[in-house]
Protein backbone atom coordinates (compact mmCIF):
# COMPACT_ATOMS: atom_id res chain seq x y z
CA UNK A 1 -11.52 -18.64 17.08
CA UNK A 2 -14.88 -20.20 16.26
CA UNK A 3 -16.57 -21.67 19.34
CA UNK A 4 -18.29 -24.97 18.70
CA UNK A 5 -20.91 -25.75 21.36
CA UNK A 6 -21.50 -29.26 22.53
CA UNK A 7 -25.19 -28.70 23.22
CA UNK A 8 -27.20 -25.65 24.37
CA UNK A 9 -28.95 -25.63 27.72
CA UNK A 10 -32.34 -25.52 25.99
CA UNK A 11 -31.60 -28.74 24.10
CA UNK A 12 -32.00 -32.23 25.43
CA UNK A 13 -30.62 -35.69 24.87
CA UNK A 14 -32.92 -38.58 24.12
CA UNK A 15 -32.66 -40.53 27.33
CA UNK A 16 -29.82 -40.11 29.77
CA UNK A 17 -26.46 -38.62 28.68
CA UNK A 18 -23.75 -41.25 28.44
CA UNK A 19 -20.60 -39.57 29.86
CA UNK A 20 -18.40 -42.12 28.12
CA UNK A 21 -20.14 -42.99 24.89
CA UNK A 22 -22.00 -41.76 21.82
CA UNK A 23 -24.68 -39.11 22.44
CA UNK A 24 -27.31 -37.38 20.31
CA UNK A 25 -28.85 -34.04 21.33
CA UNK A 26 -32.06 -32.52 19.96
CA UNK A 27 -33.75 -29.19 19.36
CA UNK A 28 -37.22 -28.72 20.91
CA UNK A 29 -38.67 -29.41 17.44
CA UNK A 30 -37.19 -32.88 17.50
CA UNK A 31 -34.40 -32.22 15.02
CA UNK A 32 -30.88 -33.33 15.91
CA UNK A 33 -28.75 -30.43 17.20
CA UNK A 34 -25.46 -32.28 17.72
CA UNK A 35 -24.02 -35.74 18.01
CA UNK A 36 -20.72 -37.30 18.98
CA UNK A 37 -18.65 -39.08 21.56
CA UNK A 38 -18.36 -38.06 25.19
CA UNK A 39 -15.48 -38.90 27.49
CA UNK A 40 -15.63 -38.10 31.18
CA UNK A 41 -18.75 -36.08 30.42
CA UNK A 42 -17.05 -33.87 27.83
CA UNK A 43 -17.18 -33.98 24.03
CA UNK A 44 -14.24 -35.76 22.44
CA UNK A 45 -13.56 -37.45 19.11
CA UNK A 46 -15.66 -36.73 16.01
CA UNK A 47 -18.64 -34.38 16.39
CA UNK A 48 -21.38 -32.92 14.21
CA UNK A 49 -23.67 -29.94 14.83
CA UNK A 50 -26.86 -29.03 12.93
CA UNK A 51 -29.17 -26.12 12.20
CA UNK A 52 -32.78 -26.34 13.41
CA UNK A 53 -33.85 -27.05 9.83
CA UNK A 54 -31.78 -30.22 9.90
CA UNK A 55 -28.91 -29.03 7.73
CA UNK A 56 -25.41 -29.95 8.82
CA UNK A 57 -23.69 -26.94 10.45
CA UNK A 58 -20.21 -28.21 11.35
CA UNK A 59 -18.20 -31.38 11.65
CA UNK A 60 -14.76 -32.14 12.97
CA UNK A 61 -12.60 -33.93 15.45
CA UNK A 62 -11.46 -33.34 19.02
CA UNK A 63 -8.37 -34.91 20.53
CA UNK A 64 -8.13 -34.86 24.32
CA UNK A 65 -11.13 -32.49 24.31
CA UNK A 66 -9.31 -29.98 22.07
CA UNK A 67 -10.33 -29.00 18.54
CA UNK A 68 -8.01 -30.87 16.21
CA UNK A 69 -7.39 -31.26 12.45
CA UNK A 70 -9.83 -29.98 9.82
CA UNK A 71 -13.26 -28.70 10.81
CA UNK A 72 -15.82 -28.04 8.08
CA UNK A 73 -18.64 -25.48 8.36
CA UNK A 74 -21.79 -25.09 6.26
CA UNK A 75 -24.46 -22.46 5.67
CA UNK A 76 -28.08 -22.98 6.72
CA UNK A 77 -28.79 -23.77 3.06
CA UNK A 78 -26.31 -26.62 3.13
CA UNK A 79 -23.53 -24.90 1.18
CA UNK A 80 -19.87 -25.23 2.09
CA UNK A 81 -18.95 -22.10 4.12
CA UNK A 82 -15.41 -22.58 5.47
CA UNK A 83 -12.77 -25.14 6.40
CA UNK A 84 -10.44 -24.50 9.33
CA UNK A 85 -7.48 -26.52 10.55
CA UNK A 86 -7.08 -26.70 14.35
CA UNK A 87 -4.39 -27.97 16.67
CA UNK A 88 -4.59 -27.72 20.48
CA UNK A 89 -7.94 -25.92 20.24
CA UNK A 90 -6.64 -22.96 18.17
CA UNK A 91 -6.24 -22.33 14.47
CA UNK A 92 -3.06 -23.89 13.14
CA UNK A 93 -2.86 -24.43 9.41
CA UNK A 94 -5.14 -23.45 6.54
CA UNK A 95 -8.42 -21.57 6.76
CA UNK A 96 -10.46 -21.49 3.55
CA UNK A 97 -13.61 -19.39 3.11
CA UNK A 98 -16.05 -20.20 0.29
CA UNK A 99 -18.47 -18.12 -1.79
CA UNK A 100 -22.05 -18.98 -2.77
CA UNK A 101 -20.71 -21.10 -5.62
CA UNK A 102 -18.72 -23.15 -3.09
CA UNK A 103 -15.48 -21.87 -4.60
CA UNK A 104 -12.67 -20.46 -2.40
CA UNK A 105 -13.01 -16.72 -1.74
CA UNK A 106 -10.23 -16.31 0.86
CA UNK A 107 -7.40 -18.52 2.07
CA UNK A 108 -5.07 -17.98 5.05
CA UNK A 109 -2.43 -19.85 7.00
CA UNK A 110 -2.55 -19.68 10.81
CA UNK A 111 0.18 -20.30 13.36
CA UNK A 112 -1.07 -20.39 16.97
CA UNK A 113 -4.28 -18.56 16.04
CA UNK A 114 -2.56 -15.74 14.09
CA UNK A 115 -2.40 -15.25 10.35
CA UNK A 116 1.12 -15.76 9.03
CA UNK A 117 2.51 -15.74 5.51
CA UNK A 118 0.57 -15.15 2.31
CA UNK A 119 -3.20 -14.68 2.27
CA UNK A 120 -5.09 -15.25 -0.97
CA UNK A 121 -8.32 -13.64 -2.18
CA UNK A 122 -10.30 -14.79 -5.21
CA UNK A 123 -12.87 -13.53 -7.70
CA UNK A 124 -16.29 -15.23 -7.51
CA UNK A 125 -15.35 -17.08 -10.69
CA UNK A 126 -12.26 -18.54 -8.99
CA UNK A 127 -9.37 -16.49 -10.39
CA UNK A 128 -6.80 -15.07 -7.97
CA UNK A 129 -7.64 -11.46 -7.09
CA UNK A 130 -5.18 -10.45 -4.35
CA UNK A 131 -2.14 -11.70 -2.43
CA UNK A 132 -1.23 -10.11 0.90
CA UNK A 133 1.52 -11.03 3.36
CA UNK A 134 0.68 -11.37 7.07
CA UNK A 135 2.94 -11.15 10.11
CA UNK A 136 1.43 -11.93 13.53
CA UNK A 137 -2.10 -11.38 12.24
CA UNK A 138 -1.46 -8.05 10.50
CA UNK A 139 -0.86 -7.20 6.87
CA UNK A 140 2.83 -6.43 6.38
CA UNK A 141 5.02 -5.68 3.37
CA UNK A 142 4.19 -6.29 -0.27
CA UNK A 143 0.82 -7.20 -1.73
CA UNK A 144 -0.48 -7.68 -5.25
CA UNK A 145 -3.81 -7.43 -7.06
CA UNK A 146 -4.51 -9.27 -10.30
CA UNK A 147 -6.87 -9.00 -13.24
CA UNK A 148 -8.85 -12.11 -14.16
CA UNK A 149 -6.36 -12.82 -16.95
CA UNK A 150 -3.59 -13.11 -14.33
CA UNK A 151 -1.68 -9.87 -14.92
CA UNK A 152 -0.63 -7.79 -11.92
CA UNK A 153 -2.68 -4.59 -11.81
CA UNK A 154 -1.79 -3.15 -8.38
CA UNK A 155 1.25 -3.10 -6.11
CA UNK A 156 0.33 -2.75 -2.44
CA UNK A 157 2.50 -1.98 0.56
CA UNK A 158 1.42 -2.52 4.19
CA UNK A 159 2.88 -1.60 7.54
CA UNK A 160 1.49 -3.18 10.72
CA UNK A 161 -1.97 -3.67 9.25
CA UNK A 162 -2.23 -0.28 7.56
CA UNK A 163 -1.96 0.21 3.83
CA UNK A 164 0.86 2.63 3.03
CA UNK A 165 0.81 2.78 -0.75
CA UNK A 166 -1.22 1.70 -3.75
CA UNK A 167 0.44 1.73 -7.18
CA UNK A 168 -1.72 0.88 -10.18
CA UNK A 169 0.07 -0.83 -13.08
CA UNK A 170 -0.75 -2.77 -16.24
CA UNK A 171 -4.01 -0.92 -16.89
CA UNK A 172 -6.04 -0.19 -20.02
CA UNK A 173 -7.95 2.95 -20.95
CA UNK A 174 -11.59 2.86 -22.03
CA UNK A 175 -10.52 2.21 -25.60
CA UNK A 176 -8.71 -0.94 -24.49
CA UNK A 177 -5.26 0.60 -25.00
CA UNK A 178 -2.35 0.22 -22.59
CA UNK A 179 -1.88 3.21 -20.30
CA UNK A 180 0.45 4.16 -17.47
CA UNK A 181 3.23 2.00 -16.07
CA UNK A 182 3.41 -1.61 -17.29
CA UNK A 183 5.51 -4.51 -16.02
CA UNK A 184 5.65 -7.78 -17.95
CA UNK A 185 7.14 -11.00 -16.57
CA UNK A 186 8.81 -14.18 -17.77
CA UNK A 187 7.17 -17.51 -16.76
CA UNK A 188 9.82 -17.83 -14.00
CA UNK A 189 8.54 -14.62 -12.39
CA UNK A 190 11.44 -12.35 -13.39
CA UNK A 191 10.65 -8.99 -14.99
CA UNK A 192 10.75 -9.08 -18.78
CA UNK A 193 10.19 -5.38 -19.51
CA UNK A 194 8.90 -2.26 -17.78
CA UNK A 195 7.95 1.23 -18.90
CA UNK A 196 5.14 3.73 -19.50
CA UNK A 197 2.46 3.56 -22.16
CA UNK A 198 0.21 6.31 -23.52
CA UNK A 199 -2.84 5.44 -25.60
CA UNK A 200 -1.41 2.06 -26.50
CA UNK A 201 2.10 3.13 -27.52
CA UNK A 202 5.39 3.13 -25.60
CA UNK A 203 6.27 6.55 -24.23
CA UNK A 204 9.38 7.21 -22.13
CA UNK A 205 12.17 5.02 -20.79
CA UNK A 206 11.80 1.24 -21.11
CA UNK A 207 13.98 -1.42 -19.53
CA UNK A 208 14.28 -4.89 -21.05
CA UNK A 209 15.70 -7.86 -19.12
CA UNK A 210 17.10 -11.34 -19.70
CA UNK A 211 15.28 -14.36 -18.24
CA UNK A 212 17.87 -14.55 -15.45
CA UNK A 213 17.05 -10.99 -14.37
CA UNK A 214 20.02 -9.19 -15.95
CA UNK A 215 19.31 -5.88 -17.65
CA UNK A 216 19.50 -6.37 -21.42
CA UNK A 217 18.82 -2.89 -22.78
CA UNK A 218 17.37 0.55 -22.06
CA UNK A 219 15.33 2.18 -24.82
CA UNK A 220 13.65 5.59 -24.87
CA UNK A 221 10.41 6.02 -26.81
CA UNK A 222 8.48 9.12 -27.82
CA UNK A 223 4.99 8.44 -29.12
CA UNK A 224 5.90 4.86 -29.92
CA UNK A 225 9.08 5.75 -31.82
CA UNK A 226 12.58 4.94 -30.59
CA UNK A 227 14.71 7.95 -29.66
CA UNK A 228 18.17 6.81 -30.76
CA UNK A 229 20.29 9.58 -29.24
CA UNK A 230 18.61 9.79 -25.81
CA UNK A 231 21.08 10.12 -22.93
CA UNK A 232 18.87 7.90 -20.75
CA UNK A 233 19.36 4.99 -23.14
CA UNK A 234 23.08 4.60 -22.48
CA UNK A 235 23.38 0.98 -21.38
CA UNK A 236 24.82 0.61 -17.93
CA UNK A 237 27.13 -2.19 -16.87
CA UNK A 238 25.26 -4.16 -14.21
CA UNK A 239 27.56 -5.85 -11.70
CA UNK A 240 26.71 -8.27 -8.90
CA UNK A 241 28.40 -9.62 -5.80
CA UNK A 242 27.39 -12.87 -4.11
CA UNK A 243 27.62 -14.53 -0.71
CA UNK A 244 29.67 -17.73 -0.48
CA UNK A 245 26.44 -19.75 -0.76
CA UNK A 246 25.69 -18.12 -4.12
CA UNK A 247 22.96 -15.77 -2.95
CA UNK A 248 22.95 -12.19 -4.23
CA UNK A 249 24.71 -9.74 -1.90
CA UNK A 250 25.08 -6.51 -3.92
CA UNK A 251 23.91 -5.25 -7.30
CA UNK A 252 24.68 -1.92 -8.95
CA UNK A 253 25.35 -0.21 -12.26
CA UNK A 254 28.46 1.35 -13.74
CA UNK A 255 28.86 3.82 -16.58
CA UNK A 256 32.30 3.88 -18.18
CA UNK A 257 33.78 2.34 -15.04
CA UNK A 258 32.13 4.73 -12.56
CA UNK A 259 29.33 3.85 -10.17
CA UNK A 260 26.07 5.33 -11.42
CA UNK A 261 22.55 5.12 -10.02
CA UNK A 262 21.19 2.75 -7.37
CA UNK A 263 23.23 0.05 -5.63
CA UNK A 264 21.22 -2.44 -3.54
CA UNK A 265 22.61 -4.58 -0.74
CA UNK A 266 20.77 -7.79 0.23
CA UNK A 267 20.69 -10.01 3.28
CA UNK A 268 21.15 -13.77 2.92
CA UNK A 269 17.36 -14.01 3.17
CA UNK A 270 17.00 -11.90 0.03
CA UNK A 271 15.74 -8.75 1.76
CA UNK A 272 17.06 -5.31 0.77
CA UNK A 273 19.02 -4.10 3.80
CA UNK A 274 20.56 -0.96 2.31
CA UNK A 275 20.84 1.05 -0.89
CA UNK A 276 23.32 3.63 -2.14
CA UNK A 277 22.93 6.37 -4.72
CA UNK A 278 25.89 7.30 -6.90
CA UNK A 279 26.47 10.04 -9.44
CA UNK A 280 29.65 9.56 -11.45
CA UNK A 281 31.29 7.52 -8.68
CA UNK A 282 30.26 9.96 -5.92
CA UNK A 283 27.87 8.70 -3.24
CA UNK A 284 24.93 11.10 -2.94
CA UNK A 285 22.57 9.08 -0.75
CA UNK A 286 22.19 6.02 1.46
CA UNK A 287 18.99 4.23 2.49
CA UNK A 288 16.50 1.71 1.14
CA UNK A 289 15.28 1.77 -2.47
CA UNK A 290 12.56 -0.85 -2.85
CA UNK A 291 12.08 -2.97 -5.99
CA UNK A 292 9.64 -0.40 -7.40
CA UNK A 293 12.27 2.36 -7.09
CA UNK A 294 10.71 4.12 -4.11
CA UNK A 295 12.77 5.36 -1.18
CA UNK A 296 11.86 3.73 2.13
CA UNK A 297 12.93 4.13 5.76
CA UNK A 298 15.85 6.13 7.12
CA UNK A 299 18.01 8.01 4.59
CA UNK A 300 21.20 10.03 4.47
CA UNK A 301 22.02 12.54 1.72
CA UNK A 302 25.55 13.78 0.98
CA UNK A 303 27.23 16.77 -0.64
CA UNK A 304 29.24 15.98 -3.80
CA UNK A 305 32.35 16.50 -1.67
CA UNK A 306 31.21 13.75 0.72
CA UNK A 307 29.96 15.67 3.76
CA UNK A 308 26.58 14.75 5.27
CA UNK A 309 23.85 16.92 3.72
CA UNK A 310 20.58 15.63 5.23
CA UNK A 311 19.08 12.91 7.43
CA UNK A 312 15.43 11.83 7.47
CA UNK A 313 12.85 9.20 6.64
CA UNK A 314 10.98 8.24 3.48
CA UNK A 315 7.72 6.33 3.18
CA UNK A 316 6.95 5.18 -0.36
CA UNK A 317 9.26 7.76 -1.91
CA UNK A 318 7.94 10.70 0.11
CA UNK A 319 9.64 12.47 3.00
CA UNK A 320 7.89 11.90 6.33
CA UNK A 321 8.60 13.03 9.87
CA UNK A 322 11.63 15.00 11.03
CA UNK A 323 14.38 15.93 8.56
CA UNK A 324 17.63 17.66 9.42
CA UNK A 325 19.86 19.43 6.89
CA UNK A 326 23.50 20.31 7.54
CA UNK A 327 26.15 22.75 6.43
CA UNK A 328 29.39 21.25 5.16
CA UNK A 329 30.99 22.03 8.52
CA UNK A 330 28.55 19.63 10.21
CA UNK A 331 26.43 22.33 11.86
CA UNK A 332 22.65 22.15 11.46
CA UNK A 333 21.31 24.32 8.63
CA UNK A 334 17.59 23.61 9.07
CA UNK A 335 15.29 21.17 10.83
CA UNK A 336 11.60 20.46 10.42
CA UNK A 337 8.91 17.92 9.68
CA UNK A 338 7.35 16.62 6.48
CA UNK A 339 3.90 15.21 5.89
CA UNK A 340 3.44 13.41 2.58
CA UNK A 341 6.60 15.11 1.22
CA UNK A 342 5.39 18.60 2.19
CA UNK A 343 6.78 20.75 5.04
CA UNK A 344 4.37 20.55 7.97
CA UNK A 345 4.69 21.97 11.47
CA UNK A 346 7.54 24.02 12.97
CA UNK A 347 10.76 24.65 11.02
CA UNK A 348 13.96 26.21 12.28
CA UNK A 349 16.90 27.57 10.25
CA UNK A 350 20.41 28.32 11.54
CA UNK A 351 23.52 30.31 10.68
CA UNK A 352 26.73 28.34 10.18
CA UNK A 353 27.88 29.33 13.67
CA UNK A 354 24.82 27.60 15.17
CA UNK A 355 22.77 30.68 16.05
CA UNK A 356 19.10 30.71 14.99
CA UNK A 357 18.36 32.35 11.65
CA UNK A 358 14.60 31.83 11.26
CA UNK A 359 11.66 30.14 12.96
CA UNK A 360 8.46 29.44 11.04
CA UNK A 361 5.55 27.03 10.70
CA UNK A 362 4.10 25.16 7.74
CA UNK A 363 0.82 23.46 7.06
CA UNK A 364 0.88 20.93 4.22
CA UNK A 365 3.61 22.77 2.33
CA UNK A 366 2.43 26.34 2.94
CA UNK A 367 3.64 28.83 5.51
CA UNK A 368 1.08 29.04 8.29
CA UNK A 369 1.68 30.88 11.53
CA UNK A 370 4.29 33.24 12.93
CA UNK A 371 7.61 33.73 11.10
CA UNK A 372 10.51 35.32 12.99
CA UNK A 373 13.97 35.96 11.51
CA UNK A 374 17.04 36.95 13.55
CA UNK A 375 20.46 38.42 12.93
CA UNK A 376 23.54 36.59 14.22
CA UNK A 377 23.29 38.40 17.56
CA UNK A 378 19.72 37.18 18.12
CA UNK A 379 17.96 40.46 17.32
CA UNK A 380 14.63 40.17 15.48
CA UNK A 381 15.01 41.58 11.95
CA UNK A 382 11.87 40.25 10.23
CA UNK A 383 8.56 39.18 11.75
CA UNK A 384 5.02 38.49 10.60
CA UNK A 385 2.30 35.91 10.23
CA UNK A 386 1.18 33.66 7.40
CA UNK A 387 -2.22 32.09 6.93
CA UNK A 388 -2.37 29.34 4.33
CA UNK A 389 0.75 30.64 2.58
CA UNK A 390 -0.30 34.29 2.47
CA UNK A 391 1.14 37.13 4.56
CA UNK A 392 -1.52 38.45 6.92
CA UNK A 393 -1.69 41.19 9.54
CA UNK A 394 1.23 43.30 10.86
CA UNK A 395 4.71 42.70 9.41
CA UNK A 396 8.11 44.09 10.22
CA UNK A 397 11.26 43.96 8.06
CA UNK A 398 14.84 45.12 8.34
CA UNK A 399 16.26 45.99 4.90
CA UNK A 400 19.83 47.29 4.74
CA UNK A 401 19.74 50.74 6.41
CA UNK A 402 16.04 50.91 7.26
CA UNK A 403 13.03 49.04 8.69
CA UNK A 404 9.63 48.54 7.05
CA UNK A 405 6.36 48.20 8.97
CA UNK A 406 2.81 47.68 7.79
CA UNK A 407 0.05 45.14 7.32
CA UNK A 408 -0.98 42.55 4.74
CA UNK A 409 -4.38 41.30 3.66
CA UNK A 410 -4.42 38.01 1.75
CA UNK A 411 -0.76 38.44 0.82
CA UNK A 412 -1.09 42.05 -0.37
CA UNK A 413 0.02 45.24 1.37
CA UNK A 414 -2.95 46.92 2.98
CA UNK A 415 -3.25 50.13 5.00
CA UNK A 416 -0.40 52.46 5.96
CA UNK A 417 3.23 51.44 5.51
CA UNK A 418 6.08 53.29 7.17
CA UNK A 419 9.81 52.86 6.49
CA UNK A 420 12.28 54.22 9.03
CA UNK A 421 16.04 54.79 8.75
CA UNK A 422 18.30 53.23 11.37
CA UNK A 423 18.81 56.75 12.78
CA UNK A 424 15.09 57.02 13.56
CA UNK A 425 14.29 59.40 10.70
CA UNK A 426 11.42 58.57 8.28
CA UNK A 427 12.32 56.84 5.00
CA UNK A 428 8.89 56.41 3.40
CA UNK A 429 5.18 56.75 4.15
CA UNK A 430 2.29 55.54 2.03
CA UNK A 431 -1.02 53.74 2.00
CA UNK A 432 -2.20 50.67 0.10
CA UNK A 433 -5.53 49.04 -0.57
CA UNK A 434 -5.06 45.30 -1.14
CA UNK A 435 -1.73 45.87 -2.91
CA UNK A 436 -2.70 49.02 -4.81
CA UNK A 437 -1.08 52.31 -3.75
CA UNK A 438 -3.62 55.03 -2.90
CA UNK A 439 -3.46 58.63 -1.70
CA UNK A 440 -0.29 60.54 -0.84
CA UNK A 441 3.11 58.78 -0.73
CA UNK A 442 6.29 60.41 0.58
CA UNK A 443 10.01 59.51 0.44
CA UNK A 444 12.68 61.08 2.68
CA UNK A 445 16.44 61.61 2.88
CA UNK A 446 18.40 60.24 5.84
CA UNK A 447 18.42 63.70 7.41
CA UNK A 448 14.61 63.65 7.53
CA UNK A 449 14.06 66.13 4.69
CA UNK A 450 11.46 65.33 2.06
CA UNK A 451 12.86 63.69 -1.09
CA UNK A 452 9.70 63.39 -3.20
CA UNK A 453 5.96 63.18 -2.77
CA UNK A 454 2.87 62.60 -4.85
CA UNK A 455 -0.52 60.93 -5.02
CA UNK A 456 -1.81 57.75 -6.56
CA UNK A 457 -5.21 57.31 -8.13
CA UNK A 458 -6.42 53.92 -9.34
CA UNK A 459 -2.93 52.64 -8.60
CA UNK A 460 -1.19 55.15 -10.91
CA UNK A 461 0.67 58.44 -10.21
CA UNK A 462 -1.85 61.25 -10.63
CA UNK A 463 -1.57 64.99 -10.16
CA UNK A 464 1.56 66.93 -9.19
CA UNK A 465 4.64 65.05 -7.99
CA UNK A 466 7.34 67.13 -6.34
CA UNK A 467 11.08 66.38 -6.07
CA UNK A 468 13.44 68.03 -3.54
CA UNK A 469 17.15 68.53 -2.97
CA UNK A 470 18.60 67.04 0.22
CA UNK A 471 18.70 70.58 1.58
CA UNK A 472 14.91 70.79 1.24
CA UNK A 473 14.79 72.93 -1.92
CA UNK A 474 12.17 72.00 -4.55
CA UNK A 475 13.89 71.35 -7.88
CA UNK A 476 11.28 69.60 -10.05
CA UNK A 477 7.53 69.18 -10.42
CA UNK A 478 5.96 66.60 -12.71
CA UNK A 479 2.26 66.41 -13.41
CA UNK A 480 0.68 63.03 -14.11
CA UNK A 481 -2.64 61.93 -15.47
CA UNK A 482 -3.23 58.30 -14.44
CA UNK A 483 0.41 57.37 -14.78
CA UNK A 484 1.26 59.41 -17.86
CA UNK A 485 3.46 62.50 -17.60
CA UNK A 486 1.63 65.53 -18.98
CA UNK A 487 3.75 68.44 -17.67
CA UNK A 488 7.35 68.70 -16.40
CA UNK A 489 8.71 71.86 -14.81
CA UNK A 490 5.97 73.97 -16.36
CA UNK A 491 6.36 72.57 -19.88
CA UNK A 492 3.59 70.44 -21.38
CA UNK A 493 4.56 67.04 -22.74
CA UNK A 494 3.07 65.23 -25.73
CA UNK A 495 3.39 61.84 -24.08
CA UNK A 496 5.91 60.12 -21.90
CA UNK A 497 6.33 57.14 -19.61
CA UNK A 498 5.70 57.73 -15.95
CA UNK A 499 9.06 56.35 -14.86
CA UNK A 500 8.00 56.25 -11.22
CA UNK A 501 8.71 53.28 -8.99
CA UNK A 502 5.98 51.96 -6.74
CA UNK A 503 6.77 50.30 -3.44
CA UNK A 504 5.55 46.69 -3.74
């Protein structure tokens, strides 16, 4: 609230102050500072205040000592600055701010000193620039920005004073050609057509509407040309249900008699209170789909057979906060958090019997932190750490009849890796350097006897590789030169493929 002083202490009245009459107060330089009626020694009725240069600063009325009706404020240069409507000493009604050309720059409506309803912002030349809705002093819900020619160029969405989404529409490229998503309207405000443009030509799915808002046709374009046989262009049957007072209650589309796509349910006030997604008459989701097609608020997803599949929240079409996914039997399958539609924070997976399968952490869509996986009895079978989506440090796996242990560096095996059979006997030993096998590698039978062994050089088999029977008897030797077989069992080879598998 703007405080309007009666007269500063440093100012003086010419003669004695009349507590029940008209008074004039002055600056030390002799200029009038304020003037108006006093009642019982307090300002009441119409008052004016001035700058020291003599320019009018403000003027307005008081009723029973309270600011009342329209007060007008000016700059020190004498230009109109703002007009504010008061009732009972607080803002109630319009507030209009003016630019240097004395044209409106901002306009608000106040109720008991708080902004309520639509606020308007203007270009310096006077055209409407932005509309924003206010609830209890904070921006809330839809907002729009306009070009000087009046077309909508931005859709805004606010929540409790914070902007949640900005969607640019109806834009031109530097060559003056239409680009991106465009929405055109009838004079009554209903959508006339909507679709995407590329370099000034239609590109993609376009929807065309009647003046009353009914969908007239769907047309698919490629490079400005109509695609006649596009599946997306099959015209849907739009059906509506109404309240007894004639207001829209439900709207949805049918294809060959089956529910298809988005169904929206409205309150009597015209607000979307729920939406339903259908695929060939089967409900696949339930929540809010806003007029721009974005998912909002709490949602439920369903299996084709009808069981609950997932529960969570959307903000502007992106998953946010905790989401829970379910098996068909109703047990939790996984639970975790999303940030801007990406997994973020701890996630937990379950077996169908409810026991924990895996625990892990994400950071903006990438694994980050410790990952532990369990069997149904709760025994750890896999464990290791991720940093920014890459395996790092010591890892442990259980694979069929053996375990694997070793370390990673930036997602690649690094250092010694050892595989061990479930009977405690060695399965494999080998060393890696950032994913490349180096030095001697050995494979073993379950009884602990050597199965084969050989060396790698520059990531390829090199030198003599030996193969053994399960009894321990050597039965074959192959000599390699950087991955190419050059001798087998004493016989030289012209050329051959290496044929050896590398543990990755």
